[in-house]
Amino acid sequence: METRTIKELLQLTLDNIDHLSTGLCSLIAYHLCENNRIITVDEWMILDDYIESNRPHNKHYYTGDNYYWKIGNKTPRINWLKKQIKSL
């Protein structure tokens, strides 16, 4: 299987946002990679690095828990994913 592009991986994340329970990193690691094998471990690492490198810099960063938005809140994550997909 050929590694998908960041844009494709972000779209897969957005398509599975209903499975979000805490944050994007957990969604990617547990739902997309480990539980359902929608993405490979290599793709997970690429996507995780992308999120870290392009993390939102905003006043809502929850430093104690390493979440950029309130845990489980889908709306800001959807908006961020859409913005990233559009920029790519």
PDB file of N, CA and C in Angstrom:
ATOM      1  N   MET A   1       0.837  -1.186   0.000  1.00  0.00           N
ATOM      2  CA  MET A   1       0.000   0.000   0.000  1.00  0.00           C
ATOM      3  C   MET A   1       0.880   1.246   0.000  1.00  0.00           C
ATOM      4  N   GLU A   2       0.605   2.156  -0.895  1.00  0.00           N
ATOM      5  CA  GLU A   2       1.351   3.402  -0.983  1.00  0.00           C
ATOM      6  C   GLU A   2       0.863   4.373   0.094  1.00  0.00           C
ATOM      7  N   THR A   3       1.802   5.079   0.705  1.00  0.00           N
ATOM      8  CA  THR A   3       1.458   6.063   1.733  1.00  0.00           C
ATOM      9  C   THR A   3       0.652   7.196   1.114  1.00  0.00           C
ATOM     10  N   ARG A   4      -0.455   7.516   1.755  1.00  0.00           N
ATOM     11  CA  ARG A   4      -1.315   8.597   1.263  1.00  0.00           C
ATOM     12  C   ARG A   4      -0.734   9.958   1.615  1.00  0.00           C
ATOM     13  N   THR A   5      -1.212  10.969   0.931  1.00  0.00           N
ATOM     14  CA  THR A   5      -0.752  12.332   1.178  1.00  0.00           C
ATOM     15  C   THR A   5      -1.314  12.847   2.502  1.00  0.00           C
ATOM     16  N   ILE A   6      -0.689  13.901   3.002  1.00  0.00           N
ATOM     17  CA  ILE A   6      -1.187  14.561   4.217  1.00  0.00           C
ATOM     18  C   ILE A   6      -2.632  14.987   4.007  1.00  0.00           C
ATOM     19  N   LYS A   7      -2.920  15.554   2.859  1.00  0.00           N
ATOM     20  CA  LYS A   7      -4.279  16.012   2.569  1.00  0.00           C
ATOM     21  C   LYS A   7      -5.271  14.850   2.658  1.00  0.00           C
ATOM     22  N   GLU A   8      -4.924  13.713   2.093  1.00  0.00           N
ATOM     23  CA  GLU A   8      -5.808  12.538   2.159  1.00  0.00           C
ATOM     24  C   GLU A   8      -5.972  12.057   3.595  1.00  0.00           C
ATOM     25  N   LEU A   9      -4.893  12.088   4.356  1.00  0.00           N
ATOM     26  CA  LEU A   9      -4.961  11.641   5.752  1.00  0.00           C
ATOM     27  C   LEU A   9      -5.785  12.599   6.607  1.00  0.00           C
ATOM     28  N   LEU A  10      -5.655  13.886   6.348  1.00  0.00           N
ATOM     29  CA  LEU A  10      -6.485  14.859   7.064  1.00  0.00           C
ATOM     30  C   LEU A  10      -7.957  14.669   6.719  1.00  0.00           C
ATOM     31  N   GLN A  11      -8.245  14.378   5.461  1.00  0.00           N
ATOM     32  CA  GLN A  11      -9.627  14.146   5.048  1.00  0.00           C
ATOM     33  C   GLN A  11     -10.185  12.894   5.717  1.00  0.00           C
ATOM     34  N   LEU A  12      -9.391  11.847   5.825  1.00  0.00           N
ATOM     35  CA  LEU A  12      -9.830  10.639   6.538  1.00  0.00           C
ATOM     36  C   LEU A  12     -10.136  10.955   8.002  1.00  0.00           C
ATOM     37  N   THR A  13      -9.314  11.802   8.588  1.00  0.00           N
ATOM     38  CA  THR A  13      -9.547  12.216   9.977  1.00  0.00           C
ATOM     39  C   THR A  13     -10.860  12.971  10.079  1.00  0.00           C
ATOM     40  N   LEU A  14     -11.074  13.912   9.174  1.00  0.00           N
ATOM     41  CA  LEU A  14     -12.321  14.673   9.163  1.00  0.00           C
ATOM     42  C   LEU A  14     -13.522  13.755   8.933  1.00  0.00           C
ATOM     43  N   ASP A  15     -13.385  12.812   8.031  1.00  0.00           N
ATOM     44  CA  ASP A  15     -14.478  11.874   7.738  1.00  0.00           C
ATOM     45  C   ASP A  15     -14.842  11.003   8.939  1.00  0.00           C
ATOM     46  N   ASN A  16     -13.905  10.855   9.874  1.00  0.00           N
ATOM     47  CA  ASN A  16     -14.133  10.006  11.052  1.00  0.00           C
ATOM     48  C   ASN A  16     -14.256  10.808  12.338  1.00  0.00           C
ATOM     49  N   ILE A  17     -14.513  12.102  12.222  1.00  0.00           N
ATOM     50  CA  ILE A  17     -14.562  12.979  13.390  1.00  0.00           C
ATOM     51  C   ILE A  17     -15.669  12.574  14.378  1.00  0.00           C
ATOM     52  N   ASP A  18     -16.686  11.892  13.926  1.00  0.00           N
ATOM     53  CA  ASP A  18     -17.758  11.452  14.838  1.00  0.00           C
ATOM     54  C   ASP A  18     -17.252  10.472  15.889  1.00  0.00           C
ATOM     55  N   HIS A  19     -16.099   9.878  15.665  1.00  0.00           N
ATOM     56  CA  HIS A  19     -15.522   8.935  16.628  1.00  0.00           C
ATOM     57  C   HIS A  19     -14.621   9.624  17.645  1.00  0.00           C
ATOM     58  N   LEU A  20     -14.496  10.948  17.549  1.00  0.00           N
ATOM     59  CA  LEU A  20     -13.660  11.709  18.470  1.00  0.00           C
ATOM     60  C   LEU A  20     -14.229  11.632  19.876  1.00  0.00           C
ATOM     61  N   SER A  21     -13.377  11.298  20.827  1.00  0.00           N
ATOM     62  CA  SER A  21     -13.823  11.320  22.218  1.00  0.00           C
ATOM     63  C   SER A  21     -12.977  12.281  23.051  1.00  0.00           C
ATOM     64  N   THR A  22     -11.711  12.444  22.689  1.00  0.00           N
ATOM     65  CA  THR A  22     -10.850  13.369  23.431  1.00  0.00           C
ATOM     66  C   THR A  22     -10.242  14.399  22.487  1.00  0.00           C
ATOM     67  N   GLY A  23      -9.226  13.994  21.699  1.00  0.00           N
ATOM     68  CA  GLY A  23      -8.547  14.912  20.796  1.00  0.00           C
ATOM     69  C   GLY A  23      -8.186  14.244  19.483  1.00  0.00           C
ATOM     70  N   LEU A  24      -7.626  15.027  18.574  1.00  0.00           N
ATOM     71  CA  LEU A  24      -7.271  14.510  17.253  1.00  0.00           C
ATOM     72  C   LEU A  24      -6.212  13.421  17.322  1.00  0.00           C
ATOM     73  N   CYS A  25      -5.213  13.598  18.158  1.00  0.00           N
ATOM     74  CA  CYS A  25      -4.145  12.603  18.241  1.00  0.00           C
ATOM     75  C   CYS A  25      -4.680  11.247  18.694  1.00  0.00           C
ATOM     76  N   SER A  26      -5.585  11.264  19.641  1.00  0.00           N
ATOM     77  CA  SER A  26      -6.192  10.007  20.099  1.00  0.00           C
ATOM     78  C   SER A  26      -7.076   9.395  19.025  1.00  0.00           C
ATOM     79  N   LEU A  27      -7.821  10.228  18.327  1.00  0.00           N
ATOM     80  CA  LEU A  27      -8.668   9.751  17.240  1.00  0.00           C
ATOM     81  C   LEU A  27      -7.819   9.037  16.192  1.00  0.00           C
ATOM     82  N   ILE A  28      -6.710   9.658  15.835  1.00  0.00           N
ATOM     83  CA  ILE A  28      -5.837   9.092  14.814  1.00  0.00           C
ATOM     84  C   ILE A  28      -5.185   7.798  15.313  1.00  0.00           C
ATOM     85  N   ALA A  29      -4.658   7.837  16.513  1.00  0.00           N
ATOM     86  CA  ALA A  29      -3.943   6.675  17.042  1.00  0.00           C
ATOM     87  C   ALA A  29      -4.853   5.484  17.283  1.00  0.00           C
ATOM     88  N   TYR A  30      -5.969   5.700  17.938  1.00  0.00           N
ATOM     89  CA  TYR A  30      -6.797   4.573  18.353  1.00  0.00           C
ATOM     90  C   TYR A  30      -7.857   4.175  17.338  1.00  0.00           C
ATOM     91  N   HIS A  31      -8.599   5.142  16.824  1.00  0.00           N
ATOM     92  CA  HIS A  31      -9.683   4.776  15.914  1.00  0.00           C
ATOM     93  C   HIS A  31      -9.162   4.464  14.514  1.00  0.00           C
ATOM     94  N   LEU A  32      -8.358   5.365  13.972  1.00  0.00           N
ATOM     95  CA  LEU A  32      -7.919   5.187  12.589  1.00  0.00           C
ATOM     96  C   LEU A  32      -6.836   4.126  12.440  1.00  0.00           C
ATOM     97  N   CYS A  33      -5.909   4.073  13.381  1.00  0.00           N
ATOM     98  CA  CYS A  33      -4.760   3.184  13.231  1.00  0.00           C
ATOM     99  C   CYS A  33      -4.962   1.844  13.939  1.00  0.00           C
ATOM    100  N   GLU A  34      -5.082   1.860  15.235  1.00  0.00           N
ATOM    101  CA  GLU A  34      -5.097   0.616  15.999  1.00  0.00           C
ATOM    102  C   GLU A  34      -6.404  -0.171  15.884  1.00  0.00           C
ATOM    103  N   ASN A  35      -7.527   0.488  16.065  1.00  0.00           N
ATOM    104  CA  ASN A  35      -8.796  -0.242  16.107  1.00  0.00           C
ATOM    105  C   ASN A  35      -9.311  -0.652  14.735  1.00  0.00           C
ATOM    106  N   ASN A  36      -9.299   0.245  13.798  1.00  0.00           N
ATOM    107  CA  ASN A  36      -9.933  -0.024  12.505  1.00  0.00           C
ATOM    108  C   ASN A  36      -8.957  -0.171  11.346  1.00  0.00           C
ATOM    109  N   ARG A  37      -7.695   0.091  11.600  1.00  0.00           N
ATOM    110  CA  ARG A  37      -6.660  -0.064  10.572  1.00  0.00           C
ATOM    111  C   ARG A  37      -6.975   0.697   9.284  1.00  0.00           C
ATOM    112  N   ILE A  38      -7.545   1.892   9.444  1.00  0.00           N
ATOM    113  CA  ILE A  38      -7.861   2.753   8.307  1.00  0.00           C
ATOM    114  C   ILE A  38      -6.577   3.369   7.765  1.00  0.00           C
ATOM    115  N   ILE A  39      -5.632   3.650   8.660  1.00  0.00           N
ATOM    116  CA  ILE A  39      -4.332   4.156   8.248  1.00  0.00           C
ATOM    117  C   ILE A  39      -3.244   3.244   8.811  1.00  0.00           C
ATOM    118  N   THR A  40      -2.082   3.297   8.194  1.00  0.00           N
ATOM    119  CA  THR A  40      -0.956   2.491   8.658  1.00  0.00           C
ATOM    120  C   THR A  40      -0.245   3.194   9.806  1.00  0.00           C
ATOM    121  N   VAL A  41       0.631   2.490  10.469  1.00  0.00           N
ATOM    122  CA  VAL A  41       1.427   3.097  11.534  1.00  0.00           C
ATOM    123  C   VAL A  41       2.301   4.209  10.960  1.00  0.00           C
ATOM    124  N   ASP A  42       2.867   3.994   9.780  1.00  0.00           N
ATOM    125  CA  ASP A  42       3.682   5.032   9.142  1.00  0.00           C
ATOM    126  C   ASP A  42       2.853   6.279   8.855  1.00  0.00           C
ATOM    127  N   GLU A  43       1.633   6.095   8.359  1.00  0.00           N
ATOM    128  CA  GLU A  43       0.757   7.238   8.087  1.00  0.00           C
ATOM    129  C   GLU A  43       0.368   7.947   9.372  1.00  0.00           C
ATOM    130  N   TRP A  44       0.138   7.184  10.415  1.00  0.00           N
ATOM    131  CA  TRP A  44      -0.189   7.776  11.713  1.00  0.00           C
ATOM    132  C   TRP A  44       0.955   8.668  12.185  1.00  0.00           C
ATOM    133  N   MET A  45       2.186   8.189  12.046  1.00  0.00           N
ATOM    134  CA  MET A  45       3.341   8.970  12.485  1.00  0.00           C
ATOM    135  C   MET A  45       3.494  10.243  11.649  1.00  0.00           C
ATOM    136  N   ILE A  46       3.265  10.143  10.351  1.00  0.00           N
ATOM    137  CA  ILE A  46       3.330  11.306   9.463  1.00  0.00           C
ATOM    138  C   ILE A  46       2.267  12.326   9.856  1.00  0.00           C
ATOM    139  N   LEU A  47       1.055  11.844  10.081  1.00  0.00           N
ATOM    140  CA  LEU A  47      -0.056  12.719  10.433  1.00  0.00           C
ATOM    141  C   LEU A  47       0.154  13.343  11.808  1.00  0.00           C
ATOM    142  N   ASP A  48       0.631  12.570  12.747  1.00  0.00           N
ATOM    143  CA  ASP A  48       0.910  13.085  14.089  1.00  0.00           C
ATOM    144  C   ASP A  48       1.974  14.185  14.027  1.00  0.00           C
ATOM    145  N   ASP A  49       3.012  13.979  13.238  1.00  0.00           N
ATOM    146  CA  ASP A  49       4.053  14.999  13.060  1.00  0.00           C
ATOM    147  C   ASP A  49       3.480  16.257  12.418  1.00  0.00           C
ATOM    148  N   TYR A  50       2.592  16.072  11.440  1.00  0.00           N
ATOM    149  CA  TYR A  50       1.980  17.218  10.772  1.00  0.00           C
ATOM    150  C   TYR A  50       1.159  18.043  11.762  1.00  0.00           C
ATOM    151  N   ILE A  51       0.369  17.364  12.568  1.00  0.00           N
ATOM    152  CA  ILE A  51      -0.460  18.064  13.554  1.00  0.00           C
ATOM    153  C   ILE A  51       0.435  18.833  14.528  1.00  0.00           C
ATOM    154  N   GLU A  52       1.492  18.212  14.979  1.00  0.00           N
ATOM    155  CA  GLU A  52       2.405  18.868  15.910  1.00  0.00           C
ATOM    156  C   GLU A  52       3.077  20.077  15.257  1.00  0.00           C
ATOM    157  N   SER A  53       3.478  19.949  14.006  1.00  0.00           N
ATOM    158  CA  SER A  53       4.156  21.034  13.300  1.00  0.00           C
ATOM    159  C   SER A  53       3.219  22.173  12.919  1.00  0.00           C
ATOM    160  N   ASN A  54       1.941  21.878  12.781  1.00  0.00           N
ATOM    161  CA  ASN A  54       0.962  22.881  12.345  1.00  0.00           C
ATOM    162  C   ASN A  54      -0.093  23.139  13.408  1.00  0.00           C
ATOM    163  N   ARG A  55       0.261  22.849  14.623  1.00  0.00           N
ATOM    164  CA  ARG A  55      -0.703  22.997  15.710  1.00  0.00           C
ATOM    165  C   ARG A  55      -1.214  24.422  15.790  1.00  0.00           C
ATOM    166  N   PRO A  56      -2.439  24.559  16.195  1.00  0.00           N
ATOM    167  CA  PRO A  56      -3.000  25.905  16.303  1.00  0.00           C
ATOM    168  C   PRO A  56      -2.370  26.665  17.463  1.00  0.00           C
ATOM    169  N   HIS A  57      -2.069  27.897  17.216  1.00  0.00           N
ATOM    170  CA  HIS A  57      -1.523  28.758  18.264  1.00  0.00           C
ATOM    171  C   HIS A  57      -2.640  29.699  18.678  1.00  0.00           C
ATOM    172  N   ASN A  58      -3.349  29.297  19.698  1.00  0.00           N
ATOM    173  CA  ASN A  58      -4.470  30.126  20.127  1.00  0.00           C
ATOM    174  C   ASN A  58      -4.566  30.170  21.640  1.00  0.00           C
ATOM    175  N   LYS A  59      -5.415  31.014  22.108  1.00  0.00           N
ATOM    176  CA  LYS A  59      -5.553  31.201  23.554  1.00  0.00           C
ATOM    177  C   LYS A  59      -6.294  30.049  24.225  1.00  0.00           C
ATOM    178  N   HIS A  60      -6.791  29.106  23.462  1.00  0.00           N
ATOM    179  CA  HIS A  60      -7.565  28.012  24.036  1.00  0.00           C
ATOM    180  C   HIS A  60      -6.733  26.759  24.320  1.00  0.00           C
ATOM    181  N   TYR A  61      -5.419  26.876  24.209  1.00  0.00           N
ATOM    182  CA  TYR A  61      -4.552  25.722  24.435  1.00  0.00           C
ATOM    183  C   TYR A  61      -4.632  25.278  25.895  1.00  0.00           C
ATOM    184  N   TYR A  62      -4.978  24.035  26.107  1.00  0.00           N
ATOM    185  CA  TYR A  62      -5.103  23.474  27.452  1.00  0.00           C
ATOM    186  C   TYR A  62      -3.775  22.837  27.830  1.00  0.00           C
ATOM    187  N   THR A  63      -2.860  23.625  28.357  1.00  0.00           N
ATOM    188  CA  THR A  63      -1.485  23.195  28.569  1.00  0.00           C
ATOM    189  C   THR A  63      -1.360  22.000  29.501  1.00  0.00           C
ATOM    190  N   GLY A  64      -2.179  21.895  30.478  1.00  0.00           N
ATOM    191  CA  GLY A  64      -2.055  20.794  31.424  1.00  0.00           C
ATOM    192  C   GLY A  64      -2.311  19.430  30.806  1.00  0.00           C
ATOM    193  N   ASP A  65      -3.144  19.386  29.784  1.00  0.00           N
ATOM    194  CA  ASP A  65      -3.506  18.117  29.174  1.00  0.00           C
ATOM    195  C   ASP A  65      -2.981  17.946  27.750  1.00  0.00           C
ATOM    196  N   ASN A  66      -2.247  18.939  27.241  1.00  0.00           N
ATOM    197  CA  ASN A  66      -1.731  18.913  25.871  1.00  0.00           C
ATOM    198  C   ASN A  66      -2.830  18.819  24.826  1.00  0.00           C
ATOM    199  N   TYR A  67      -3.928  19.484  25.070  1.00  0.00           N
ATOM    200  CA  TYR A  67      -5.009  19.586  24.093  1.00  0.00           C
ATOM    201  C   TYR A  67      -5.081  21.028  23.628  1.00  0.00           C
ATOM    202  N   TYR A  68      -5.338  21.227  22.339  1.00  0.00           N
ATOM    203  CA  TYR A  68      -5.414  22.577  21.793  1.00  0.00           C
ATOM    204  C   TYR A  68      -6.786  23.197  22.013  1.00  0.00           C
ATOM    205  N   TRP A  69      -7.785  22.342  22.153  1.00  0.00           N
ATOM    206  CA  TRP A  69      -9.149  22.799  22.418  1.00  0.00           C
ATOM    207  C   TRP A  69      -9.724  21.937  23.530  1.00  0.00           C
ATOM    208  N   LYS A  70     -10.859  22.352  24.040  1.00  0.00           N
ATOM    209  CA  LYS A  70     -11.509  21.589  25.100  1.00  0.00           C
ATOM    210  C   LYS A  70     -11.691  20.138  24.660  1.00  0.00           C
ATOM    211  N   ILE A  71     -11.404  19.226  25.550  1.00  0.00           N
ATOM    212  CA  ILE A  71     -11.485  17.793  25.253  1.00  0.00           C
ATOM    213  C   ILE A  71     -12.876  17.440  24.731  1.00  0.00           C
ATOM    214  N   GLY A  72     -12.884  16.736  23.595  1.00  0.00           N
ATOM    215  CA  GLY A  72     -14.133  16.258  23.010  1.00  0.00           C
ATOM    216  C   GLY A  72     -14.890  17.256  22.166  1.00  0.00           C
ATOM    217  N   ASN A  73     -14.467  18.521  22.144  1.00  0.00           N
ATOM    218  CA  ASN A  73     -15.155  19.546  21.366  1.00  0.00           C
ATOM    219  C   ASN A  73     -14.775  19.390  19.887  1.00  0.00           C
ATOM    220  N   LYS A  74     -15.725  18.996  19.069  1.00  0.00           N
ATOM    221  CA  LYS A  74     -15.458  18.691  17.660  1.00  0.00           C
ATOM    222  C   LYS A  74     -15.357  19.926  16.776  1.00  0.00           C
ATOM    223  N   THR A  75     -16.144  20.948  17.047  1.00  0.00           N
ATOM    224  CA  THR A  75     -16.237  22.105  16.146  1.00  0.00           C
ATOM    225  C   THR A  75     -14.885  22.747  15.838  1.00  0.00           C
ATOM    226  N   PRO A  76     -14.055  23.104  16.836  1.00  0.00           N
ATOM    227  CA  PRO A  76     -12.780  23.734  16.476  1.00  0.00           C
ATOM    228  C   PRO A  76     -11.849  22.774  15.734  1.00  0.00           C
ATOM    229  N   ARG A  77     -11.949  21.497  16.021  1.00  0.00           N
ATOM    230  CA  ARG A  77     -11.123  20.504  15.327  1.00  0.00           C
ATOM    231  C   ARG A  77     -11.565  20.353  13.869  1.00  0.00           C
ATOM    232  N   ILE A  78     -12.863  20.369  13.645  1.00  0.00           N
ATOM    233  CA  ILE A  78     -13.395  20.313  12.271  1.00  0.00           C
ATOM    234  C   ILE A  78     -12.920  21.534  11.494  1.00  0.00           C
ATOM    235  N   ASN A  79     -13.027  22.703  12.104  1.00  0.00           N
ATOM    236  CA  ASN A  79     -12.602  23.934  11.441  1.00  0.00           C
ATOM    237  C   ASN A  79     -11.109  23.895  11.116  1.00  0.00           C
ATOM    238  N   TRP A  80     -10.298  23.420  12.051  1.00  0.00           N
ATOM    239  CA  TRP A  80      -8.854  23.331  11.827  1.00  0.00           C
ATOM    240  C   TRP A  80      -8.547  22.350  10.699  1.00  0.00           C
ATOM    241  N   LEU A  81      -9.197  21.190  10.711  1.00  0.00           N
ATOM    242  CA  LEU A  81      -8.975  20.189   9.655  1.00  0.00           C
ATOM    243  C   LEU A  81      -9.348  20.757   8.283  1.00  0.00           C
ATOM    244  N   LYS A  82     -10.488  21.419   8.211  1.00  0.00           N
ATOM    245  CA  LYS A  82     -10.931  21.999   6.935  1.00  0.00           C
ATOM    246  C   LYS A  82      -9.937  23.043   6.434  1.00  0.00           C
ATOM    247  N   LYS A  83      -9.435  23.861   7.353  1.00  0.00           N
ATOM    248  CA  LYS A  83      -8.481  24.887   6.987  1.00  0.00           C
ATOM    249  C   LYS A  83      -7.185  24.256   6.461  1.00  0.00           C
ATOM    250  N   GLN A  84      -6.728  23.210   7.134  1.00  0.00           N
ATOM    251  CA  GLN A  84      -5.506  22.535   6.708  1.00  0.00           C
ATOM    252  C   GLN A  84      -5.685  21.873   5.342  1.00  0.00           C
ATOM    253  N   ILE A  85      -6.821  21.225   5.148  1.00  0.00           N
ATOM    254  CA  ILE A  85      -7.108  20.560   3.863  1.00  0.00           C
ATOM    255  C   ILE A  85      -7.143  21.597   2.753  1.00  0.00           C
ATOM    256  N   LYS A  86      -7.810  22.716   3.003  1.00  0.00           N
ATOM    257  CA  LYS A  86      -7.902  23.769   1.999  1.00  0.00           C
ATOM    258  C   LYS A  86      -6.530  24.329   1.648  1.00  0.00           C
ATOM    259  N   SER A  87      -5.677  24.473   2.649  1.00  0.00           N
ATOM    260  CA  SER A  87      -4.346  25.050   2.408  1.00  0.00           C
ATOM    261  C   SER A  87      -3.438  24.113   1.615  1.00  0.00           C
ATOM    262  N   LEU A  88      -3.757  22.821   1.654  1.00  0.00           N
ATOM    263  CA  LEU A  88      -2.942  21.855   0.914  1.00  0.00           C
ATOM    264  C   LEU A  88      -3.498  21.656  -0.488  1.00  0.00           C
TER     265      LEU A  88
END
